[in-house]
Amino acid sequence: MSRQAVNNQSLRRASRAPVRLMPETPAPLILDVALEEFARNGFNATRIDDIANRAGLSKGGFYAHFASKEVLFDILLRRELSAPLLDVGRILDGTQDIRQVIKQLVEVLGTKLLEPKASIVMRLLLSDGWRLPGVMQPRYQQAMSSVLSEIESLLQQCVEGGLCKDGGLCRQPRFILSPFIHAMVQQLVPGGVETLVVDQMKQDLVEILEEVLYPDF
C-alpha cells in the first residue's frame, strides 16, 4: 500500500467521530483538529464552524483562542514548520566516519520530511499557498532557511574535523534536500510513493553523497 493511501486511511479514521473537547481546550489541541480539517477540505473550504464543532467549541470559544481562520492557519504553519530537523551535536558525537554521518543525516531527513504531517503541510503549501502569500511564503522561507542552516553547519563541522572535503555541496546544501522534496511532491500524486522506493532512494543518496563529499572513500 502506498504511503499516500496510508495517510488517507489515517485521516478517514481520525475524522469518523468528532473530537469532543472542553471550552477551555488548549490551543495546541485546536490546532491538531484544524490540521485535519485543512487536510481534508483545503484552506478555502474549511469553515471556522467546522473547526469549532470538531473541537467541541462554540464559535465564540474559537475566537477566544484565534482572531481569524487566517491567524490560526499562520500559527499552525509556524508550529509545523519551525521545529528543528537535525540534532547536529548528536549526529557528530564520537563519529569519525563520514559514512555514518551521511547515513544519519539521510535517515533523519527522510523520517521527518516524509512523515504524514509533513505531507499534509506540503499539500497545503501547494494547493493553498497562492491564497495567502503573506502567510505561506514567510513560513516556508523560514523553514527552508532553518533546515539549510542546520545542514550547512553539520557539513562545515565535518570539513573542519577532516571528515569530508569542502566543496559546492557544503555551500549549497539545498541539493541534499532536493530528493526529499521530490518524494514529498510524488506522495501527493495518485498512487503515491512506495516505501521500498523511498528506502532505495535513501540508499542511493547515501552513496551519492559519499562520492561527492569524500571521493577517495
N, C-alpha and C. Protein backbone atom coordinates (compact mmCIF):
# COMPACT_ATOMS: atom_id res chain seq x y z
N MET A 1 0.85 -1.19 0.00
CA MET A 1 0.00 0.00 0.00
C MET A 1 0.88 1.24 0.00
N SER A 2 0.55 2.24 -0.79
CA SER A 2 1.36 3.44 -0.88
C SER A 2 1.25 4.26 0.40
N ARG A 3 2.29 5.10 0.64
CA ARG A 3 2.29 5.97 1.81
C ARG A 3 1.09 6.92 1.78
N GLN A 4 0.73 7.40 0.55
CA GLN A 4 -0.40 8.32 0.45
C GLN A 4 -1.69 7.63 0.87
N ALA A 5 -1.85 6.35 0.44
CA ALA A 5 -3.06 5.62 0.82
C ALA A 5 -3.14 5.45 2.32
N VAL A 6 -1.97 5.16 2.97
CA VAL A 6 -1.94 5.03 4.42
C VAL A 6 -2.32 6.34 5.08
N ASN A 7 -1.80 7.45 4.55
CA ASN A 7 -2.13 8.77 5.10
C ASN A 7 -3.63 9.03 4.99
N ASN A 8 -4.21 8.71 3.82
CA ASN A 8 -5.64 8.94 3.62
C ASN A 8 -6.48 8.10 4.57
N GLN A 9 -6.07 6.84 4.79
CA GLN A 9 -6.80 5.98 5.72
C GLN A 9 -6.74 6.55 7.14
N SER A 10 -5.56 7.04 7.53
CA SER A 10 -5.41 7.62 8.86
C SER A 10 -6.32 8.82 9.05
N LEU A 11 -6.40 9.67 8.01
CA LEU A 11 -7.26 10.84 8.10
C LEU A 11 -8.72 10.44 8.19
N ARG A 12 -9.11 9.41 7.40
CA ARG A 12 -10.51 8.97 7.45
C ARG A 12 -10.86 8.43 8.83
N ARG A 13 -9.94 7.64 9.41
CA ARG A 13 -10.22 7.10 10.75
C ARG A 13 -10.33 8.22 11.77
N ALA A 14 -9.44 9.22 11.63
CA ALA A 14 -9.45 10.32 12.59
C ALA A 14 -10.70 11.18 12.48
N SER A 15 -11.34 11.17 11.29
CA SER A 15 -12.46 12.08 11.08
C SER A 15 -13.83 11.40 11.22
N ARG A 16 -13.85 10.13 11.58
CA ARG A 16 -15.14 9.44 11.68
C ARG A 16 -16.00 9.99 12.80
N ALA A 17 -15.38 10.35 13.90
CA ALA A 17 -16.15 10.86 15.05
C ALA A 17 -15.56 12.18 15.49
N PRO A 18 -16.41 13.15 15.82
CA PRO A 18 -15.89 14.44 16.28
C PRO A 18 -15.08 14.29 17.56
N VAL A 19 -14.08 15.11 17.70
CA VAL A 19 -13.31 15.15 18.93
C VAL A 19 -14.00 16.13 19.87
N ARG A 20 -14.48 15.64 20.98
CA ARG A 20 -15.24 16.49 21.91
C ARG A 20 -14.30 17.00 22.99
N LEU A 21 -14.07 18.28 23.00
CA LEU A 21 -13.17 18.91 23.95
C LEU A 21 -13.92 19.96 24.74
N MET A 22 -13.37 20.33 25.86
CA MET A 22 -14.00 21.31 26.72
C MET A 22 -13.79 22.72 26.17
N PRO A 23 -14.62 23.70 26.55
CA PRO A 23 -14.46 25.08 26.08
C PRO A 23 -13.08 25.65 26.39
N GLU A 24 -12.45 25.17 27.47
CA GLU A 24 -11.12 25.67 27.79
C GLU A 24 -10.02 24.88 27.08
N THR A 25 -10.40 24.21 26.00
CA THR A 25 -9.45 23.43 25.22
C THR A 25 -8.17 24.22 24.95
N PRO A 26 -7.00 23.66 25.25
CA PRO A 26 -5.76 24.37 24.95
C PRO A 26 -5.55 24.50 23.45
N ALA A 27 -4.94 25.59 23.06
CA ALA A 27 -4.76 25.90 21.64
C ALA A 27 -4.08 24.78 20.86
N PRO A 28 -3.07 24.07 21.38
CA PRO A 28 -2.44 23.01 20.59
C PRO A 28 -3.41 21.93 20.12
N LEU A 29 -4.40 21.60 20.95
CA LEU A 29 -5.37 20.59 20.55
C LEU A 29 -6.30 21.12 19.46
N ILE A 30 -6.63 22.39 19.53
CA ILE A 30 -7.43 23.00 18.46
C ILE A 30 -6.65 22.99 17.15
N LEU A 31 -5.34 23.23 17.23
CA LEU A 31 -4.50 23.21 16.04
C LEU A 31 -4.46 21.81 15.43
N ASP A 32 -4.44 20.78 16.26
CA ASP A 32 -4.46 19.41 15.74
C ASP A 32 -5.74 19.14 14.95
N VAL A 33 -6.86 19.58 15.51
CA VAL A 33 -8.14 19.41 14.83
C VAL A 33 -8.15 20.22 13.53
N ALA A 34 -7.65 21.44 13.59
CA ALA A 34 -7.63 22.30 12.41
C ALA A 34 -6.80 21.68 11.29
N LEU A 35 -5.68 21.06 11.64
CA LEU A 35 -4.83 20.43 10.62
C LEU A 35 -5.60 19.35 9.88
N GLU A 36 -6.39 18.56 10.61
CA GLU A 36 -7.20 17.52 9.96
C GLU A 36 -8.25 18.14 9.03
N GLU A 37 -8.88 19.23 9.48
CA GLU A 37 -9.90 19.87 8.65
C GLU A 37 -9.28 20.47 7.39
N PHE A 38 -8.15 21.15 7.54
CA PHE A 38 -7.49 21.74 6.37
C PHE A 38 -7.02 20.65 5.42
N ALA A 39 -6.54 19.54 5.98
CA ALA A 39 -6.05 18.44 5.14
C ALA A 39 -7.18 17.83 4.32
N ARG A 40 -8.37 17.74 4.91
CA ARG A 40 -9.49 17.11 4.23
C ARG A 40 -10.17 18.07 3.25
N ASN A 41 -10.29 19.34 3.61
CA ASN A 41 -11.10 20.26 2.81
C ASN A 41 -10.31 21.35 2.09
N GLY A 42 -9.05 21.56 2.49
CA GLY A 42 -8.31 22.71 1.98
C GLY A 42 -8.64 23.94 2.79
N PHE A 43 -7.80 24.97 2.67
CA PHE A 43 -8.00 26.17 3.48
C PHE A 43 -9.30 26.87 3.14
N ASN A 44 -9.57 27.07 1.86
CA ASN A 44 -10.70 27.90 1.44
C ASN A 44 -12.03 27.29 1.86
N ALA A 45 -12.15 25.96 1.75
CA ALA A 45 -13.43 25.30 2.02
C ALA A 45 -13.65 25.01 3.50
N THR A 46 -12.61 25.10 4.29
CA THR A 46 -12.76 24.85 5.72
C THR A 46 -13.36 26.08 6.41
N ARG A 47 -14.41 25.87 7.18
CA ARG A 47 -15.06 26.97 7.88
C ARG A 47 -14.67 26.96 9.35
N ILE A 48 -14.72 28.11 9.95
CA ILE A 48 -14.46 28.19 11.39
C ILE A 48 -15.42 27.29 12.15
N ASP A 49 -16.69 27.24 11.68
CA ASP A 49 -17.67 26.35 12.33
C ASP A 49 -17.20 24.90 12.31
N ASP A 50 -16.58 24.48 11.19
CA ASP A 50 -16.10 23.11 11.09
C ASP A 50 -15.07 22.81 12.17
N ILE A 51 -14.13 23.72 12.33
CA ILE A 51 -13.06 23.53 13.31
C ILE A 51 -13.63 23.59 14.72
N ALA A 52 -14.47 24.58 14.98
CA ALA A 52 -15.05 24.72 16.32
C ALA A 52 -15.87 23.49 16.69
N ASN A 53 -16.69 23.01 15.76
CA ASN A 53 -17.52 21.83 16.06
C ASN A 53 -16.67 20.61 16.36
N ARG A 54 -15.64 20.39 15.56
CA ARG A 54 -14.77 19.24 15.79
C ARG A 54 -14.05 19.34 17.13
N ALA A 55 -13.78 20.57 17.56
CA ALA A 55 -13.06 20.77 18.81
C ALA A 55 -13.99 20.88 20.01
N GLY A 56 -15.31 20.77 19.77
CA GLY A 56 -16.25 20.88 20.88
C GLY A 56 -16.38 22.29 21.41
N LEU A 57 -16.17 23.27 20.53
CA LEU A 57 -16.23 24.67 20.94
C LEU A 57 -17.38 25.39 20.27
N SER A 58 -17.82 26.46 20.89
CA SER A 58 -18.71 27.39 20.21
C SER A 58 -17.85 28.27 19.31
N LYS A 59 -18.51 29.01 18.41
CA LYS A 59 -17.75 29.93 17.58
C LYS A 59 -17.06 30.98 18.44
N GLY A 60 -17.75 31.43 19.49
CA GLY A 60 -17.13 32.38 20.41
C GLY A 60 -15.93 31.77 21.12
N GLY A 61 -16.03 30.47 21.44
CA GLY A 61 -14.90 29.79 22.06
C GLY A 61 -13.69 29.74 21.15
N PHE A 62 -13.97 29.57 19.84
CA PHE A 62 -12.87 29.58 18.86
C PHE A 62 -12.18 30.94 18.87
N TYR A 63 -12.99 32.00 18.80
CA TYR A 63 -12.43 33.35 18.73
C TYR A 63 -11.73 33.75 20.02
N ALA A 64 -12.00 33.04 21.11
CA ALA A 64 -11.27 33.30 22.34
C ALA A 64 -9.80 32.89 22.21
N HIS A 65 -9.55 31.97 21.26
CA HIS A 65 -8.18 31.50 21.04
C HIS A 65 -7.53 32.14 19.82
N PHE A 66 -8.33 32.33 18.75
CA PHE A 66 -7.76 32.80 17.49
C PHE A 66 -8.65 33.90 16.90
N ALA A 67 -8.01 34.95 16.40
CA ALA A 67 -8.77 36.09 15.89
C ALA A 67 -9.44 35.79 14.56
N SER A 68 -8.92 34.84 13.79
CA SER A 68 -9.49 34.52 12.48
C SER A 68 -8.95 33.19 12.01
N LYS A 69 -9.51 32.68 10.92
CA LYS A 69 -9.01 31.45 10.32
C LYS A 69 -7.60 31.66 9.79
N GLU A 70 -7.34 32.84 9.25
CA GLU A 70 -6.00 33.14 8.72
C GLU A 70 -4.95 33.13 9.83
N VAL A 71 -5.31 33.71 10.99
CA VAL A 71 -4.38 33.73 12.12
C VAL A 71 -4.11 32.31 12.59
N LEU A 72 -5.16 31.49 12.70
CA LEU A 72 -4.99 30.10 13.10
C LEU A 72 -4.09 29.36 12.12
N PHE A 73 -4.31 29.59 10.83
CA PHE A 73 -3.52 28.91 9.80
C PHE A 73 -2.05 29.31 9.90
N ASP A 74 -1.80 30.58 10.14
CA ASP A 74 -0.44 31.07 10.29
C ASP A 74 0.24 30.42 11.49
N ILE A 75 -0.46 30.35 12.62
CA ILE A 75 0.10 29.73 13.82
C ILE A 75 0.33 28.24 13.59
N LEU A 76 -0.59 27.59 12.88
CA LEU A 76 -0.44 26.17 12.57
C LEU A 76 0.80 25.92 11.73
N LEU A 77 1.00 26.73 10.69
CA LEU A 77 2.19 26.57 9.85
C LEU A 77 3.46 26.84 10.65
N ARG A 78 3.39 27.86 11.50
CA ARG A 78 4.57 28.19 12.32
C ARG A 78 4.95 27.00 13.19
N ARG A 79 3.92 26.35 13.76
CA ARG A 79 4.20 25.20 14.61
C ARG A 79 4.80 24.04 13.82
N GLU A 80 4.21 23.75 12.66
CA GLU A 80 4.64 22.59 11.89
C GLU A 80 5.96 22.80 11.18
N LEU A 81 6.29 24.05 10.86
CA LEU A 81 7.48 24.31 10.05
C LEU A 81 8.66 24.84 10.85
N SER A 82 8.47 25.09 12.14
CA SER A 82 9.54 25.75 12.89
C SER A 82 10.41 24.78 13.69
N ALA A 83 9.96 23.55 13.88
CA ALA A 83 10.75 22.63 14.69
C ALA A 83 12.05 22.27 13.99
N PRO A 84 13.18 22.30 14.71
CA PRO A 84 14.46 21.93 14.08
C PRO A 84 14.44 20.47 13.64
N LEU A 85 15.04 20.19 12.50
CA LEU A 85 15.08 18.84 11.97
C LEU A 85 16.26 18.04 12.50
N LEU A 86 17.38 18.70 12.68
CA LEU A 86 18.61 17.99 12.99
C LEU A 86 19.12 18.30 14.39
N ASP A 87 19.71 17.30 15.01
CA ASP A 87 20.49 17.49 16.23
C ASP A 87 21.94 17.28 15.82
N VAL A 88 22.58 18.37 15.38
CA VAL A 88 23.92 18.26 14.81
C VAL A 88 24.90 17.65 15.80
N GLY A 89 24.81 18.07 17.06
CA GLY A 89 25.71 17.55 18.07
C GLY A 89 25.59 16.05 18.23
N ARG A 90 24.35 15.54 18.22
CA ARG A 90 24.15 14.10 18.39
C ARG A 90 24.69 13.33 17.19
N ILE A 91 24.47 13.85 15.99
CA ILE A 91 24.94 13.17 14.78
C ILE A 91 26.46 13.07 14.76
N LEU A 92 27.12 14.12 15.24
CA LEU A 92 28.59 14.15 15.18
C LEU A 92 29.25 13.53 16.41
N ASP A 93 28.50 13.29 17.45
CA ASP A 93 29.06 12.83 18.70
C ASP A 93 29.86 11.54 18.54
N GLY A 94 31.17 11.65 18.70
CA GLY A 94 32.04 10.48 18.64
C GLY A 94 32.19 9.86 17.27
N THR A 95 31.72 10.54 16.22
CA THR A 95 31.77 9.96 14.88
C THR A 95 33.04 10.38 14.16
N GLN A 96 33.76 9.40 13.64
CA GLN A 96 34.95 9.66 12.85
C GLN A 96 34.80 9.08 11.45
N ASP A 97 33.59 8.82 11.04
CA ASP A 97 33.33 8.16 9.76
C ASP A 97 32.26 8.96 9.02
N ILE A 98 32.62 9.54 7.87
CA ILE A 98 31.67 10.36 7.11
C ILE A 98 30.47 9.54 6.66
N ARG A 99 30.67 8.25 6.43
CA ARG A 99 29.55 7.42 6.01
C ARG A 99 28.46 7.38 7.08
N GLN A 100 28.88 7.25 8.36
CA GLN A 100 27.90 7.23 9.44
C GLN A 100 27.18 8.58 9.56
N VAL A 101 27.90 9.66 9.37
CA VAL A 101 27.28 10.98 9.41
C VAL A 101 26.24 11.10 8.31
N ILE A 102 26.60 10.70 7.11
CA ILE A 102 25.69 10.80 5.97
C ILE A 102 24.46 9.92 6.18
N LYS A 103 24.67 8.71 6.66
CA LYS A 103 23.54 7.79 6.87
C LYS A 103 22.57 8.37 7.90
N GLN A 104 23.11 8.94 8.97
CA GLN A 104 22.24 9.53 9.99
C GLN A 104 21.50 10.74 9.43
N LEU A 105 22.21 11.56 8.66
CA LEU A 105 21.58 12.75 8.06
C LEU A 105 20.43 12.35 7.15
N VAL A 106 20.68 11.40 6.27
CA VAL A 106 19.65 10.97 5.32
C VAL A 106 18.47 10.34 6.05
N GLU A 107 18.74 9.55 7.08
CA GLU A 107 17.66 8.88 7.81
C GLU A 107 16.79 9.89 8.54
N VAL A 108 17.42 10.88 9.18
CA VAL A 108 16.64 11.90 9.91
C VAL A 108 15.79 12.72 8.94
N LEU A 109 16.40 13.15 7.82
CA LEU A 109 15.64 13.93 6.85
C LEU A 109 14.49 13.12 6.28
N GLY A 110 14.76 11.85 5.97
CA GLY A 110 13.70 11.00 5.42
C GLY A 110 12.57 10.78 6.39
N THR A 111 12.90 10.55 7.65
CA THR A 111 11.88 10.30 8.67
C THR A 111 11.00 11.53 8.90
N LYS A 112 11.62 12.70 9.01
CA LYS A 112 10.87 13.90 9.37
C LYS A 112 10.18 14.55 8.18
N LEU A 113 10.80 14.50 7.01
CA LEU A 113 10.20 15.17 5.85
C LEU A 113 9.13 14.32 5.17
N LEU A 114 9.17 13.01 5.38
CA LEU A 114 8.21 12.13 4.71
C LEU A 114 7.16 11.58 5.66
N GLU A 115 7.08 12.12 6.86
CA GLU A 115 6.04 11.69 7.78
C GLU A 115 4.69 12.27 7.33
N PRO A 116 3.56 11.69 7.78
CA PRO A 116 2.25 12.15 7.31
C PRO A 116 1.98 13.63 7.51
N LYS A 117 2.36 14.19 8.67
CA LYS A 117 2.10 15.62 8.89
C LYS A 117 2.83 16.48 7.89
N ALA A 118 4.08 16.11 7.58
CA ALA A 118 4.85 16.89 6.62
C ALA A 118 4.19 16.84 5.24
N SER A 119 3.64 15.68 4.88
CA SER A 119 2.95 15.55 3.59
C SER A 119 1.71 16.43 3.54
N ILE A 120 1.00 16.51 4.65
CA ILE A 120 -0.19 17.35 4.72
C ILE A 120 0.19 18.81 4.54
N VAL A 121 1.24 19.24 5.24
CA VAL A 121 1.67 20.64 5.13
C VAL A 121 2.13 20.95 3.72
N MET A 122 2.85 20.02 3.08
CA MET A 122 3.28 20.23 1.70
C MET A 122 2.07 20.38 0.78
N ARG A 123 1.05 19.55 0.99
CA ARG A 123 -0.15 19.64 0.16
C ARG A 123 -0.83 21.00 0.34
N LEU A 124 -0.89 21.48 1.57
CA LEU A 124 -1.49 22.78 1.82
C LEU A 124 -0.67 23.91 1.19
N LEU A 125 0.65 23.80 1.25
CA LEU A 125 1.50 24.80 0.63
C LEU A 125 1.27 24.88 -0.87
N LEU A 126 1.15 23.69 -1.49
CA LEU A 126 0.98 23.66 -2.94
C LEU A 126 -0.42 24.07 -3.37
N SER A 127 -1.43 23.65 -2.60
CA SER A 127 -2.81 23.89 -3.03
C SER A 127 -3.33 25.26 -2.63
N ASP A 128 -2.88 25.76 -1.48
CA ASP A 128 -3.45 27.00 -0.95
C ASP A 128 -2.45 28.13 -0.75
N GLY A 129 -1.20 27.89 -1.10
CA GLY A 129 -0.19 28.91 -0.89
C GLY A 129 -0.48 30.21 -1.60
N TRP A 130 -1.07 30.11 -2.78
CA TRP A 130 -1.36 31.33 -3.55
C TRP A 130 -2.46 32.16 -2.92
N ARG A 131 -3.30 31.53 -2.07
CA ARG A 131 -4.39 32.28 -1.44
C ARG A 131 -3.87 33.20 -0.33
N LEU A 132 -2.81 32.78 0.34
CA LEU A 132 -2.29 33.52 1.49
C LEU A 132 -0.79 33.70 1.36
N PRO A 133 -0.35 34.40 0.34
CA PRO A 133 1.11 34.54 0.16
C PRO A 133 1.79 35.21 1.34
N GLY A 134 1.08 36.12 2.00
CA GLY A 134 1.68 36.80 3.15
C GLY A 134 1.88 35.88 4.33
N VAL A 135 1.16 34.75 4.36
CA VAL A 135 1.31 33.76 5.42
C VAL A 135 2.25 32.66 4.99
N MET A 136 1.99 32.11 3.80
CA MET A 136 2.72 30.93 3.33
C MET A 136 4.19 31.22 3.08
N GLN A 137 4.48 32.25 2.31
CA GLN A 137 5.85 32.50 1.89
C GLN A 137 6.81 32.71 3.06
N PRO A 138 6.48 33.57 4.03
CA PRO A 138 7.42 33.75 5.15
C PRO A 138 7.66 32.47 5.94
N ARG A 139 6.59 31.68 6.17
CA ARG A 139 6.76 30.46 6.95
C ARG A 139 7.60 29.44 6.19
N TYR A 140 7.33 29.30 4.89
CA TYR A 140 8.10 28.36 4.08
C TYR A 140 9.57 28.78 4.01
N GLN A 141 9.80 30.05 3.79
CA GLN A 141 11.17 30.54 3.69
C GLN A 141 11.92 30.38 5.01
N GLN A 142 11.23 30.63 6.12
CA GLN A 142 11.86 30.46 7.43
C GLN A 142 12.23 29.00 7.67
N ALA A 143 11.31 28.09 7.30
CA ALA A 143 11.56 26.66 7.50
C ALA A 143 12.74 26.20 6.65
N MET A 144 12.76 26.61 5.38
CA MET A 144 13.85 26.21 4.49
C MET A 144 15.17 26.79 4.96
N SER A 145 15.16 28.05 5.37
CA SER A 145 16.38 28.69 5.86
C SER A 145 16.92 27.97 7.08
N SER A 146 16.02 27.55 7.97
CA SER A 146 16.44 26.87 9.20
C SER A 146 17.09 25.53 8.91
N VAL A 147 16.43 24.70 8.10
CA VAL A 147 16.98 23.36 7.84
C VAL A 147 18.25 23.44 7.01
N LEU A 148 18.32 24.37 6.07
CA LEU A 148 19.54 24.52 5.27
C LEU A 148 20.70 24.98 6.14
N SER A 149 20.40 25.86 7.10
CA SER A 149 21.43 26.31 8.03
C SER A 149 21.94 25.15 8.87
N GLU A 150 21.03 24.26 9.30
CA GLU A 150 21.43 23.10 10.10
C GLU A 150 22.33 22.17 9.29
N ILE A 151 21.94 21.90 8.05
CA ILE A 151 22.75 21.01 7.20
C ILE A 151 24.11 21.65 6.92
N GLU A 152 24.11 22.95 6.64
CA GLU A 152 25.37 23.65 6.36
C GLU A 152 26.30 23.60 7.57
N SER A 153 25.74 23.77 8.76
CA SER A 153 26.54 23.70 9.98
C SER A 153 27.13 22.31 10.15
N LEU A 154 26.33 21.28 9.90
CA LEU A 154 26.80 19.90 10.01
C LEU A 154 27.96 19.65 9.05
N LEU A 155 27.80 20.05 7.80
CA LEU A 155 28.84 19.81 6.80
C LEU A 155 30.10 20.61 7.11
N GLN A 156 29.92 21.84 7.58
CA GLN A 156 31.09 22.66 7.90
C GLN A 156 31.89 22.04 9.04
N GLN A 157 31.21 21.50 10.03
CA GLN A 157 31.92 20.84 11.13
C GLN A 157 32.62 19.58 10.65
N CYS A 158 32.02 18.90 9.66
CA CYS A 158 32.68 17.73 9.08
C CYS A 158 33.95 18.13 8.34
N VAL A 159 33.87 19.25 7.63
CA VAL A 159 35.05 19.76 6.92
C VAL A 159 36.14 20.12 7.92
N GLU A 160 35.79 20.86 8.96
CA GLU A 160 36.77 21.28 9.97
C GLU A 160 37.36 20.08 10.70
N GLY A 161 36.59 19.02 10.85
CA GLY A 161 37.09 17.82 11.52
C GLY A 161 37.81 16.86 10.61
N GLY A 162 37.93 17.22 9.33
CA GLY A 162 38.63 16.37 8.39
C GLY A 162 37.84 15.16 7.94
N LEU A 163 36.53 15.17 8.16
CA LEU A 163 35.72 14.03 7.76
C LEU A 163 35.35 14.06 6.29
N CYS A 164 35.31 15.24 5.70
CA CYS A 164 34.97 15.35 4.29
C CYS A 164 35.64 16.58 3.71
N LYS A 165 35.62 16.69 2.40
CA LYS A 165 36.23 17.83 1.74
C LYS A 165 35.23 18.98 1.65
N ASP A 166 35.76 20.18 1.50
CA ASP A 166 34.92 21.34 1.25
C ASP A 166 34.58 21.35 -0.24
N GLY A 167 33.45 21.96 -0.58
CA GLY A 167 33.07 21.99 -1.98
C GLY A 167 31.71 22.62 -2.17
N GLY A 168 31.19 22.49 -3.38
CA GLY A 168 29.93 23.12 -3.73
C GLY A 168 28.76 22.64 -2.91
N LEU A 169 28.76 21.36 -2.54
CA LEU A 169 27.64 20.83 -1.76
C LEU A 169 27.58 21.44 -0.37
N CYS A 170 28.74 21.75 0.20
CA CYS A 170 28.78 22.39 1.51
C CYS A 170 28.23 23.80 1.44
N ARG A 171 28.38 24.43 0.28
CA ARG A 171 27.88 25.80 0.12
C ARG A 171 26.43 25.83 -0.37
N GLN A 172 25.98 24.73 -0.96
CA GLN A 172 24.61 24.65 -1.48
C GLN A 172 23.92 23.39 -0.94
N PRO A 173 23.64 23.33 0.37
CA PRO A 173 23.04 22.12 0.96
C PRO A 173 21.63 21.84 0.46
N ARG A 174 21.03 22.78 -0.27
CA ARG A 174 19.68 22.55 -0.80
C ARG A 174 19.64 21.34 -1.72
N PHE A 175 20.79 20.98 -2.32
CA PHE A 175 20.81 19.83 -3.21
C PHE A 175 20.63 18.52 -2.45
N ILE A 176 20.97 18.53 -1.16
CA ILE A 176 20.71 17.35 -0.34
C ILE A 176 19.22 17.20 -0.07
N LEU A 177 18.53 18.32 0.04
CA LEU A 177 17.09 18.28 0.30
C LEU A 177 16.27 17.92 -0.94
N SER A 178 16.81 18.19 -2.12
CA SER A 178 16.03 18.05 -3.36
C SER A 178 15.37 16.69 -3.52
N PRO A 179 16.06 15.56 -3.29
CA PRO A 179 15.38 14.25 -3.44
C PRO A 179 14.19 14.09 -2.51
N PHE A 180 14.29 14.65 -1.30
CA PHE A 180 13.18 14.51 -0.35
C PHE A 180 12.00 15.40 -0.75
N ILE A 181 12.29 16.60 -1.25
CA ILE A 181 11.21 17.46 -1.73
C ILE A 181 10.50 16.79 -2.90
N HIS A 182 11.28 16.17 -3.78
CA HIS A 182 10.70 15.45 -4.92
C HIS A 182 9.81 14.32 -4.43
N ALA A 183 10.27 13.57 -3.43
CA ALA A 183 9.47 12.46 -2.89
C ALA A 183 8.21 12.98 -2.22
N MET A 184 8.30 14.10 -1.53
CA MET A 184 7.11 14.69 -0.89
C MET A 184 6.07 15.05 -1.93
N VAL A 185 6.51 15.64 -3.05
CA VAL A 185 5.57 16.01 -4.11
C VAL A 185 4.97 14.75 -4.74
N GLN A 186 5.79 13.72 -4.94
CA GLN A 186 5.28 12.47 -5.52
C GLN A 186 4.22 11.83 -4.65
N GLN A 187 4.33 12.00 -3.35
CA GLN A 187 3.34 11.43 -2.44
C GLN A 187 1.96 12.03 -2.66
N LEU A 188 1.91 13.21 -3.23
CA LEU A 188 0.63 13.88 -3.45
C LEU A 188 -0.03 13.44 -4.74
N VAL A 189 0.70 12.71 -5.57
CA VAL A 189 0.16 12.22 -6.84
C VAL A 189 -0.56 10.90 -6.59
N PRO A 190 -1.70 10.65 -7.24
CA PRO A 190 -2.39 9.37 -7.06
C PRO A 190 -1.43 8.20 -7.27
N GLY A 191 -1.44 7.29 -6.33
CA GLY A 191 -0.51 6.17 -6.37
C GLY A 191 0.63 6.34 -5.39
N GLY A 192 0.99 7.60 -5.12
CA GLY A 192 2.00 7.88 -4.11
C GLY A 192 3.35 7.28 -4.42
N VAL A 193 4.15 7.13 -3.37
CA VAL A 193 5.49 6.56 -3.47
C VAL A 193 5.56 5.37 -2.53
N GLU A 194 5.92 4.22 -3.07
CA GLU A 194 6.02 3.03 -2.25
C GLU A 194 7.18 3.16 -1.26
N THR A 195 7.01 2.55 -0.09
CA THR A 195 8.06 2.59 0.93
C THR A 195 9.36 2.04 0.41
N LEU A 196 9.29 0.96 -0.38
CA LEU A 196 10.51 0.36 -0.90
C LEU A 196 11.24 1.32 -1.83
N VAL A 197 10.49 2.11 -2.59
CA VAL A 197 11.11 3.09 -3.48
C VAL A 197 11.82 4.16 -2.66
N VAL A 198 11.19 4.63 -1.59
CA VAL A 198 11.80 5.63 -0.72
C VAL A 198 13.07 5.07 -0.08
N ASP A 199 13.01 3.83 0.39
CA ASP A 199 14.18 3.20 1.00
C ASP A 199 15.34 3.12 0.01
N GLN A 200 15.05 2.76 -1.23
CA GLN A 200 16.10 2.67 -2.24
C GLN A 200 16.67 4.05 -2.55
N MET A 201 15.79 5.05 -2.58
CA MET A 201 16.25 6.42 -2.82
C MET A 201 17.23 6.85 -1.74
N LYS A 202 16.92 6.52 -0.50
CA LYS A 202 17.80 6.92 0.60
C LYS A 202 19.14 6.21 0.51
N GLN A 203 19.13 4.93 0.15
CA GLN A 203 20.39 4.20 -0.01
C GLN A 203 21.23 4.79 -1.13
N ASP A 204 20.59 5.11 -2.23
CA ASP A 204 21.31 5.72 -3.36
C ASP A 204 21.85 7.09 -2.98
N LEU A 205 21.07 7.85 -2.22
CA LEU A 205 21.51 9.19 -1.83
C LEU A 205 22.73 9.12 -0.92
N VAL A 206 22.77 8.16 -0.01
CA VAL A 206 23.94 7.98 0.84
C VAL A 206 25.17 7.74 -0.02
N GLU A 207 25.04 6.88 -1.00
CA GLU A 207 26.17 6.56 -1.89
C GLU A 207 26.61 7.79 -2.68
N ILE A 208 25.65 8.54 -3.20
CA ILE A 208 25.98 9.74 -3.98
C ILE A 208 26.69 10.77 -3.11
N LEU A 209 26.18 11.00 -1.90
CA LEU A 209 26.79 11.99 -1.01
C LEU A 209 28.20 11.57 -0.61
N GLU A 210 28.40 10.29 -0.41
CA GLU A 210 29.75 9.81 -0.12
C GLU A 210 30.70 10.15 -1.27
N GLU A 211 30.26 9.89 -2.49
CA GLU A 211 31.11 10.14 -3.65
C GLU A 211 31.45 11.61 -3.80
N VAL A 212 30.48 12.48 -3.44
CA VAL A 212 30.69 13.93 -3.60
C VAL A 212 31.53 14.50 -2.46
N LEU A 213 31.20 14.08 -1.22
CA LEU A 213 31.85 14.67 -0.06
C LEU A 213 33.21 14.03 0.26
N TYR A 214 33.36 12.79 -0.14
CA TYR A 214 34.61 12.08 0.16
C TYR A 214 34.93 11.18 -1.02
N PRO A 215 35.36 11.75 -2.16
CA PRO A 215 35.53 10.99 -3.39
C PRO A 215 36.54 9.87 -3.31
N ASP A 216 37.48 9.92 -2.35
CA ASP A 216 38.50 8.89 -2.24
C ASP A 216 38.15 7.85 -1.18
N PHE A 217 36.90 7.88 -0.73
CA PHE A 217 36.45 6.96 0.34
C PHE A 217 36.62 5.52 -0.14
